[in-house]
Amino acid sequence: MDEMRNEYDFSNAKKNPYAKKLKKQITINLDDRVIAYFKNEAEETGIPYQSLINLYLLDCVNENRKLKISW
């Protein structure tokens, strides 16, 4: 196995253009039904359920959907 160099030259390095788009890890409480729904969707699509939840929420943001709440 190759050993790592002791020093690296980053003088010509560029900032990651996608750095602002990186995801932020959070803790969120979800109902069991919500988790089960997205896990089932994950099995059908082959996309991890957490990614599906993120994609769904991102779609809500992009479409400027408003939550309909009735008590």
C-alpha atoms as a PDB file:
ATOM      1  CA  MET A   1       0.000   0.000   0.000  1.00  0.00           C
ATOM      2  CA  ASP A   2       1.252   3.488  -0.861  1.00  0.00           C
ATOM      3  CA  GLU A   3       2.069   5.717   2.055  1.00  0.00           C
ATOM      4  CA  MET A   4       0.695   9.240   2.224  1.00  0.00           C
ATOM      5  CA  ARG A   5       3.038  12.078   1.490  1.00  0.00           C
ATOM      6  CA  ASN A   6       4.184  14.047   4.489  1.00  0.00           C
ATOM      7  CA  GLU A   7       3.354  17.308   2.749  1.00  0.00           C
ATOM      8  CA  TYR A   8       0.929  18.310   0.030  1.00  0.00           C
ATOM      9  CA  ASP A   9       0.995  21.458  -2.061  1.00  0.00           C
ATOM     10  CA  PHE A  10      -2.422  23.125  -2.036  1.00  0.00           C
ATOM     11  CA  SER A  11      -1.201  26.430  -3.466  1.00  0.00           C
ATOM     12  CA  ASN A  12      -3.125  25.848  -6.726  1.00  0.00           C
ATOM     13  CA  ALA A  13      -6.216  24.414  -5.038  1.00  0.00           C
ATOM     14  CA  LYS A  14      -9.638  25.770  -5.949  1.00  0.00           C
ATOM     15  CA  LYS A  15     -12.647  26.140  -3.676  1.00  0.00           C
ATOM     16  CA  ASN A  16     -15.277  23.458  -4.037  1.00  0.00           C
ATOM     17  CA  PRO A  17     -17.974  25.018  -6.269  1.00  0.00           C
ATOM     18  CA  TYR A  18     -20.560  22.727  -4.685  1.00  0.00           C
ATOM     19  CA  ALA A  19     -19.680  23.594  -1.082  1.00  0.00           C
ATOM     20  CA  LYS A  20     -22.789  25.753  -0.660  1.00  0.00           C
ATOM     21  CA  LYS A  21     -24.943  22.860  -1.843  1.00  0.00           C
ATOM     22  CA  LEU A  22     -23.600  20.383   0.689  1.00  0.00           C
ATOM     23  CA  LYS A  23     -26.123  18.867   3.025  1.00  0.00           C
ATOM     24  CA  LYS A  24     -26.236  19.659   6.709  1.00  0.00           C
ATOM     25  CA  GLN A  25     -26.768  16.873   9.200  1.00  0.00           C
ATOM     26  CA  ILE A  26     -29.644  17.452  11.625  1.00  0.00           C
ATOM     27  CA  THR A  27     -31.756  15.479  14.041  1.00  0.00           C
ATOM     28  CA  ILE A  28     -35.466  15.314  13.255  1.00  0.00           C
ATOM     29  CA  ASN A  29     -38.348  13.427  14.831  1.00  0.00           C
ATOM     30  CA  LEU A  30     -40.630  11.705  12.322  1.00  0.00           C
ATOM     31  CA  ASP A  31     -43.719   9.583  12.801  1.00  0.00           C
ATOM     32  CA  ASP A  32     -43.267   5.842  12.335  1.00  0.00           C
ATOM     33  CA  ARG A  33     -45.725   5.950   9.425  1.00  0.00           C
ATOM     34  CA  VAL A  34     -43.617   8.562   7.631  1.00  0.00           C
ATOM     35  CA  ILE A  35     -40.448   6.507   8.021  1.00  0.00           C
ATOM     36  CA  ALA A  36     -42.218   3.327   6.914  1.00  0.00           C
ATOM     37  CA  TYR A  37     -43.627   5.101   3.848  1.00  0.00           C
ATOM     38  CA  PHE A  38     -40.253   6.388   2.693  1.00  0.00           C
ATOM     39  CA  LYS A  39     -38.500   3.097   3.462  1.00  0.00           C
ATOM     40  CA  ASN A  40     -41.063   1.336   1.276  1.00  0.00           C
ATOM     41  CA  GLU A  41     -40.483   3.899  -1.476  1.00  0.00           C
ATOM     42  CA  ALA A  42     -36.731   3.337  -1.054  1.00  0.00           C
ATOM     43  CA  GLU A  43     -37.139  -0.391  -1.677  1.00  0.00           C
ATOM     44  CA  GLU A  44     -39.131   0.281  -4.836  1.00  0.00           C
ATOM     45  CA  THR A  45     -36.817   2.961  -6.222  1.00  0.00           C
ATOM     46  CA  GLY A  46     -33.435   1.834  -4.925  1.00  0.00           C
ATOM     47  CA  ILE A  47     -32.832   5.319  -3.515  1.00  0.00           C
ATOM     48  CA  PRO A  48     -31.977   5.546   0.209  1.00  0.00           C
ATOM     49  CA  TYR A  49     -35.003   6.648   2.228  1.00  0.00           C
ATOM     50  CA  GLN A  50     -33.224   9.647   3.738  1.00  0.00           C
ATOM     51  CA  SER A  51     -32.379  10.849   0.239  1.00  0.00           C
ATOM     52  CA  LEU A  52     -36.021  10.418  -0.762  1.00  0.00           C
ATOM     53  CA  ILE A  53     -37.166  12.500   2.202  1.00  0.00           C
ATOM     54  CA  ASN A  54     -34.660  15.199   1.225  1.00  0.00           C
ATOM     55  CA  LEU A  55     -35.767  15.090  -2.425  1.00  0.00           C
ATOM     56  CA  TYR A  56     -39.425  15.393  -1.403  1.00  0.00           C
ATOM     57  CA  LEU A  57     -38.741  18.354   0.879  1.00  0.00           C
ATOM     58  CA  LEU A  58     -36.567  19.986  -1.777  1.00  0.00           C
ATOM     59  CA  ASP A  59     -39.418  19.598  -4.260  1.00  0.00           C
ATOM     60  CA  CYS A  60     -41.716  21.350  -1.758  1.00  0.00           C
ATOM     61  CA  VAL A  61     -39.217  24.214  -1.518  1.00  0.00           C
ATOM     62  CA  ASN A  62     -38.790  24.475  -5.288  1.00  0.00           C
ATOM     63  CA  GLU A  63     -42.550  24.465  -5.859  1.00  0.00           C
ATOM     64  CA  ASN A  64     -43.162  26.837  -2.926  1.00  0.00           C
ATOM     65  CA  ARG A  65     -45.760  24.468  -1.502  1.00  0.00           C
ATOM     66  CA  LYS A  66     -47.630  25.673   1.557  1.00  0.00           C
ATOM     67  CA  LEU A  67     -48.620  23.302   4.339  1.00  0.00           C
ATOM     68  CA  LYS A  68     -52.354  22.779   4.772  1.00  0.00           C
ATOM     69  CA  ILE A  69     -53.068  22.376   8.467  1.00  0.00           C
ATOM     70  CA  SER A  70     -56.463  21.724   9.989  1.00  0.00           C
ATOM     71  CA  TRP A  71     -56.855  21.148  13.707  1.00  0.00           C
END
